[in-house]
C-alpha atoms as a PDB file:
ATOM      1  CA  MET A   1      58.937  47.172 -63.434  1.00  0.00           C
ATOM      2  CA  ASN A   2      58.317  50.375 -61.579  1.00  0.00           C
ATOM      3  CA  SER A   3      61.325  50.763 -59.225  1.00  0.00           C
ATOM      4  CA  THR A   4      59.316  52.594 -56.560  1.00  0.00           C
ATOM      5  CA  LEU A   5      56.815  49.752 -56.425  1.00  0.00           C
ATOM      6  CA  LEU A   6      59.632  47.185 -56.209  1.00  0.00           C
ATOM      7  CA  ALA A   7      61.245  49.109 -53.330  1.00  0.00           C
ATOM      8  CA  LEU A   8      57.879  49.289 -51.569  1.00  0.00           C
ATOM      9  CA  ILE A   9      57.256  45.551 -51.959  1.00  0.00           C
ATOM     10  CA  MET A  10      60.815  44.759 -50.838  1.00  0.00           C
ATOM     11  CA  GLY A  11      60.396  46.909 -47.730  1.00  0.00           C
ATOM     12  CA  TRP A  12      57.123  45.151 -47.042  1.00  0.00           C
ATOM     13  CA  MET A  13      58.821  41.731 -47.237  1.00  0.00           C
ATOM     14  CA  VAL A  14      61.766  42.879 -45.084  1.00  0.00           C
ATOM     15  CA  THR A  15      59.293  43.997 -42.414  1.00  0.00           C
ATOM     16  CA  ILE A  16      57.330  40.742 -42.547  1.00  0.00           C
ATOM     17  CA  THR A  17      60.315  38.362 -42.626  1.00  0.00           C
ATOM     18  CA  GLY A  18      62.839  40.212 -40.471  1.00  0.00           C
ATOM     19  CA  TYR A  19      65.607  39.782 -43.050  1.00  0.00           C
ATOM     20  CA  PRO A  20      68.050  42.703 -43.317  1.00  0.00           C
ATOM     21  CA  VAL A  21      67.352  45.496 -45.778  1.00  0.00           C
ATOM     22  CA  PRO A  22      69.331  44.611 -48.916  1.00  0.00           C
ATOM     23  CA  ASP A  23      71.948  46.985 -50.313  1.00  0.00           C
ATOM     24  CA  TYR A  24      70.379  46.673 -53.749  1.00  0.00           C
ATOM     25  CA  LEU A  25      67.172  45.480 -55.368  1.00  0.00           C
ATOM     26  CA  PRO A  26      66.883  42.402 -57.542  1.00  0.00           C
ATOM     27  CA  ASN A  27      66.563  42.678 -61.290  1.00  0.00           C
ATOM     28  CA  ILE A  28      63.091  41.949 -62.657  1.00  0.00           C
ATOM     29  CA  GLN A  29      62.618  40.359 -66.060  1.00  0.00           C
ATOM     30  CA  PHE A  30      59.316  39.462 -67.702  1.00  0.00           C
ATOM     31  CA  GLU A  31      59.029  36.167 -69.573  1.00  0.00           C
ATOM     32  CA  PRO A  32      56.297  34.176 -71.349  1.00  0.00           C
ATOM     33  CA  HIS A  33      54.529  31.303 -69.574  1.00  0.00           C
ATOM     34  CA  SER A  34      56.606  28.730 -71.498  1.00  0.00           C
ATOM     35  CA  PHE A  35      59.729  30.005 -69.694  1.00  0.00           C
ATOM     36  CA  PHE A  36      58.233  29.039 -66.311  1.00  0.00           C
ATOM     37  CA  VAL A  37      57.103  25.646 -67.570  1.00  0.00           C
ATOM     38  CA  GLU A  38      60.709  24.946 -68.577  1.00  0.00           C
ATOM     39  CA  LYS A  39      62.576  26.521 -65.639  1.00  0.00           C
ATOM     40  CA  VAL A  40      60.206  25.899 -62.727  1.00  0.00           C
ATOM     41  CA  CYS A  41      58.175  22.850 -63.707  1.00  0.00           C
ATOM     42  CA  ASP A  42      60.730  20.689 -65.511  1.00  0.00           C
ATOM     43  CA  GLY A  43      58.895  20.979 -68.827  1.00  0.00           C
ATOM     44  CA  ARG A  44      55.483  19.955 -67.443  1.00  0.00           C
ATOM     45  CA  GLU A  45      52.549  22.323 -67.748  1.00  0.00           C
ATOM     46  CA  CYS A  46      52.009  24.236 -64.498  1.00  0.00           C
ATOM     47  CA  ASP A  47      50.642  27.505 -63.155  1.00  0.00           C
ATOM     48  CA  ALA A  48      53.988  29.034 -62.099  1.00  0.00           C
ATOM     49  CA  GLN A  49      54.147  32.781 -62.728  1.00  0.00           C
ATOM     50  CA  GLY A  50      57.371  33.721 -60.975  1.00  0.00           C
ATOM     51  CA  TRP A  51      60.848  32.383 -60.274  1.00  0.00           C
ATOM     52  CA  TYR A  52      63.925  33.631 -58.462  1.00  0.00           C
ATOM     53  CA  ASN A  53      67.133  32.227 -59.958  1.00  0.00           C
ATOM     54  CA  ASP A  54      69.307  32.467 -56.800  1.00  0.00           C
ATOM     55  CA  ALA A  55      71.501  35.003 -58.571  1.00  0.00           C
ATOM     56  CA  GLY A  56      69.722  38.338 -58.155  1.00  0.00           C
ATOM     57  CA  MET A  57      67.148  37.915 -60.934  1.00  0.00           C
ATOM     58  CA  ILE A  58      63.401  37.626 -60.446  1.00  0.00           C
ATOM     59  CA  TYR A  59      61.418  36.425 -63.440  1.00  0.00           C
ATOM     60  CA  ILE A  60      57.731  37.324 -63.618  1.00  0.00           C
ATOM     61  CA  ASP A  61      55.149  36.134 -66.128  1.00  0.00           C
ATOM     62  CA  GLU A  62      54.779  38.781 -68.823  1.00  0.00           C
ATOM     63  CA  LYS A  63      51.018  38.890 -68.260  1.00  0.00           C
ATOM     64  CA  HIS A  64      51.777  41.035 -65.171  1.00  0.00           C
ATOM     65  CA  GLN A  65      54.120  43.460 -66.947  1.00  0.00           C
ATOM     66  CA  SER A  66      51.675  46.265 -67.661  1.00  0.00           C
ATOM     67  CA  VAL A  67      50.323  46.269 -64.093  1.00  0.00           C
ATOM     68  CA  LEU A  68      53.802  46.269 -62.538  1.00  0.00           C
ATOM     69  CA  SER A  69      55.118  48.939 -64.898  1.00  0.00           C
ATOM     70  CA  GLU A  70      52.536  51.552 -64.014  1.00  0.00           C
ATOM     71  CA  SER A  71      54.016  54.748 -62.642  1.00  0.00           C
ATOM     72  CA  SER A  72      52.120  54.500 -59.366  1.00  0.00           C
ATOM     73  CA  TYR A  73      50.303  51.862 -57.413  1.00  0.00           C
ATOM     74  CA  PRO A  74      46.560  52.486 -57.206  1.00  0.00           C
ATOM     75  CA  GLU A  75      45.051  53.572 -53.907  1.00  0.00           C
ATOM     76  CA  LYS A  76      42.492  50.777 -54.212  1.00  0.00           C
ATOM     77  CA  PRO A  77      44.153  47.982 -56.194  1.00  0.00           C
ATOM     78  CA  ASP A  78      42.059  45.540 -58.129  1.00  0.00           C
ATOM     79  CA  GLN A  79      42.674  41.812 -58.285  1.00  0.00           C
ATOM     80  CA  ASN A  80      45.304  42.136 -61.056  1.00  0.00           C
ATOM     81  CA  HIS A  81      47.350  44.581 -58.984  1.00  0.00           C
ATOM     82  CA  ALA A  82      46.994  42.487 -55.835  1.00  0.00           C
ATOM     83  CA  GLU A  83      48.064  39.284 -57.599  1.00  0.00           C
ATOM     84  CA  ALA A  84      51.045  40.908 -59.310  1.00  0.00           C
ATOM     85  CA  ALA A  85      52.304  42.586 -56.111  1.00  0.00           C
ATOM     86  CA  SER A  86      51.781  39.356 -54.171  1.00  0.00           C
ATOM     87  CA  LEU A  87      53.799  37.419 -56.728  1.00  0.00           C
ATOM     88  CA  VAL A  88      56.685  39.909 -56.628  1.00  0.00           C
ATOM     89  CA  GLY A  89      56.516  39.776 -52.819  1.00  0.00           C
ATOM     90  CA  HIS A  90      56.876  35.992 -52.820  1.00  0.00           C
ATOM     91  CA  GLU A  91      59.871  36.088 -55.163  1.00  0.00           C
ATOM     92  CA  SER A  92      61.379  38.978 -53.176  1.00  0.00           C
ATOM     93  CA  VAL A  93      61.413  36.737 -50.107  1.00  0.00           C
ATOM     94  CA  HIS A  94      63.533  34.264 -52.079  1.00  0.00           C
ATOM     95  CA  PHE A  95      65.900  37.123 -52.941  1.00  0.00           C
ATOM     96  CA  LEU A  96      66.175  38.021 -49.234  1.00  0.00           C
ATOM     97  CA  GLN A  97      66.696  34.367 -48.309  1.00  0.00           C
ATOM     98  CA  ASP A  98      69.475  34.113 -50.875  1.00  0.00           C
ATOM     99  CA  LEU A  99      71.268  37.207 -49.578  1.00  0.00           C
ATOM    100  CA  SER A 100      70.995  35.967 -45.988  1.00  0.00           C
ATOM    101  CA  GLY A 101      72.610  32.601 -46.699  1.00  0.00           C
ATOM    102  CA  LYS A 102      70.016  30.983 -44.415  1.00  0.00           C
ATOM    103  CA  PHE A 103      69.262  28.212 -46.914  1.00  0.00           C
ATOM    104  CA  LYS A 104      72.719  27.908 -48.417  1.00  0.00           C
ATOM    105  CA  GLU A 105      72.614  24.120 -48.653  1.00  0.00           C
ATOM    106  CA  LYS A 106      70.585  23.071 -51.705  1.00  0.00           C
ATOM    107  CA  SER A 107      68.465  20.282 -50.274  1.00  0.00           C
ATOM    108  CA  CYS A 108      64.870  19.241 -50.666  1.00  0.00           C
ATOM    109  CA  GLU A 109      64.188  20.158 -47.045  1.00  0.00           C
ATOM    110  CA  ASN A 110      65.618  23.648 -47.522  1.00  0.00           C
ATOM    111  CA  PHE A 111      63.717  24.088 -50.774  1.00  0.00           C
ATOM    112  CA  LEU A 112      60.434  23.266 -49.040  1.00  0.00           C
ATOM    113  CA  ALA A 113      61.299  25.477 -46.030  1.00  0.00           C
ATOM    114  CA  ARG A 114      62.121  28.383 -48.371  1.00  0.00           C
ATOM    115  CA  GLU A 115      58.807  27.984 -50.150  1.00  0.00           C
ATOM    116  CA  GLU A 116      56.841  27.781 -46.903  1.00  0.00           C
ATOM    117  CA  GLU A 117      58.511  30.946 -45.616  1.00  0.00           C
ATOM    118  CA  ALA A 118      57.824  32.775 -48.899  1.00  0.00           C
ATOM    119  CA  PHE A 119      54.178  31.649 -49.002  1.00  0.00           C
ATOM    120  CA  THR A 120      53.706  32.706 -45.377  1.00  0.00           C
ATOM    121  CA  ALA A 121      55.120  36.184 -46.051  1.00  0.00           C
ATOM    122  CA  GLN A 122      53.024  36.417 -49.206  1.00  0.00           C
ATOM    123  CA  ARG A 123      49.840  35.588 -47.268  1.00  0.00           C
ATOM    124  CA  ILE A 124      50.668  38.078 -44.491  1.00  0.00           C
ATOM    125  CA  GLY A 125      51.438  40.725 -47.092  1.00  0.00           C
ATOM    126  CA  MET A 126      48.026  40.182 -48.657  1.00  0.00           C
ATOM    127  CA  ILE A 127      46.111  40.959 -45.433  1.00  0.00           C
ATOM    128  CA  PRO A 128      45.235  44.512 -46.572  1.00  0.00           C
ATOM    129  CA  TYR A 129      43.738  42.963 -49.710  1.00  0.00           C
ATOM    130  CA  LEU A 130      41.860  40.013 -48.198  1.00  0.00           C
ATOM    131  CA  LYS A 131      39.150  40.108 -50.790  1.00  0.00           C
ATOM    132  CA  TYR A 132      41.867  39.254 -53.315  1.00  0.00           C
ATOM    133  CA  LEU A 133      43.556  36.614 -51.157  1.00  0.00           C
ATOM    134  CA  ILE A 134      45.187  34.117 -53.428  1.00  0.00           C
ATOM    135  CA  PRO A 135      44.876  30.584 -52.092  1.00  0.00           C
ATOM    136  CA  ARG A 136      47.807  28.264 -52.386  1.00  0.00           C
ATOM    137  CA  SER A 137      47.422  26.388 -55.618  1.00  0.00           C
ATOM    138  CA  ASN A 138      47.482  22.641 -55.900  1.00  0.00           C
ATOM    139  CA  MET A 139      51.004  22.711 -57.241  1.00  0.00           C
ATOM    140  CA  ARG A 140      52.621  19.469 -58.178  1.00  0.00           C
ATOM    141  CA  ARG A 141      55.416  18.457 -55.818  1.00  0.00           C
ATOM    142  CA  PRO A 142      58.404  20.609 -56.748  1.00  0.00           C
ATOM    143  CA  TYR A 143      60.610  18.780 -59.227  1.00  0.00           C
ATOM    144  CA  ARG A 144      63.586  19.415 -56.956  1.00  0.00           C
ATOM    145  CA  CYS A 145      62.021  17.056 -54.399  1.00  0.00           C
ATOM    146  CA  PRO A 146      61.007  13.927 -56.290  1.00  0.00           C
ATOM    147  CA  ASN A 147      61.034  11.700 -53.208  1.00  0.00           C
ATOM    148  CA  LYS A 148      58.681  13.796 -51.096  1.00  0.00           C
END
């Protein structure tokens, strides 16, 4: 991924969330869709395209790799650019949450609160690109919260 774009997105998420500026950026790794089905959706087919592993690594669906690897971000991004940047923004919020220790306890309630915070920041971050606004998908209940 283009490091300048990652720094820009991270700064954007720091501004939106109020978390401190991190001393370093997360690592980004691109993976096929099957990786997300296994890691995020407990082996069930789903539309997940990103995942933060709570250890400094953000995984992004490889279908976004060429867009995110471009040397500069376009002045007028198209839907592919908007979606890819939005996705990295969402996962960057999880990185910031992890560094802050705010959701240290691994509970269903914290998982849902983390997701809500990340989706909120993602939606706010998309305001300049409203015509590409990505609605929240009808995701199945996260497998980490089977009782909810």
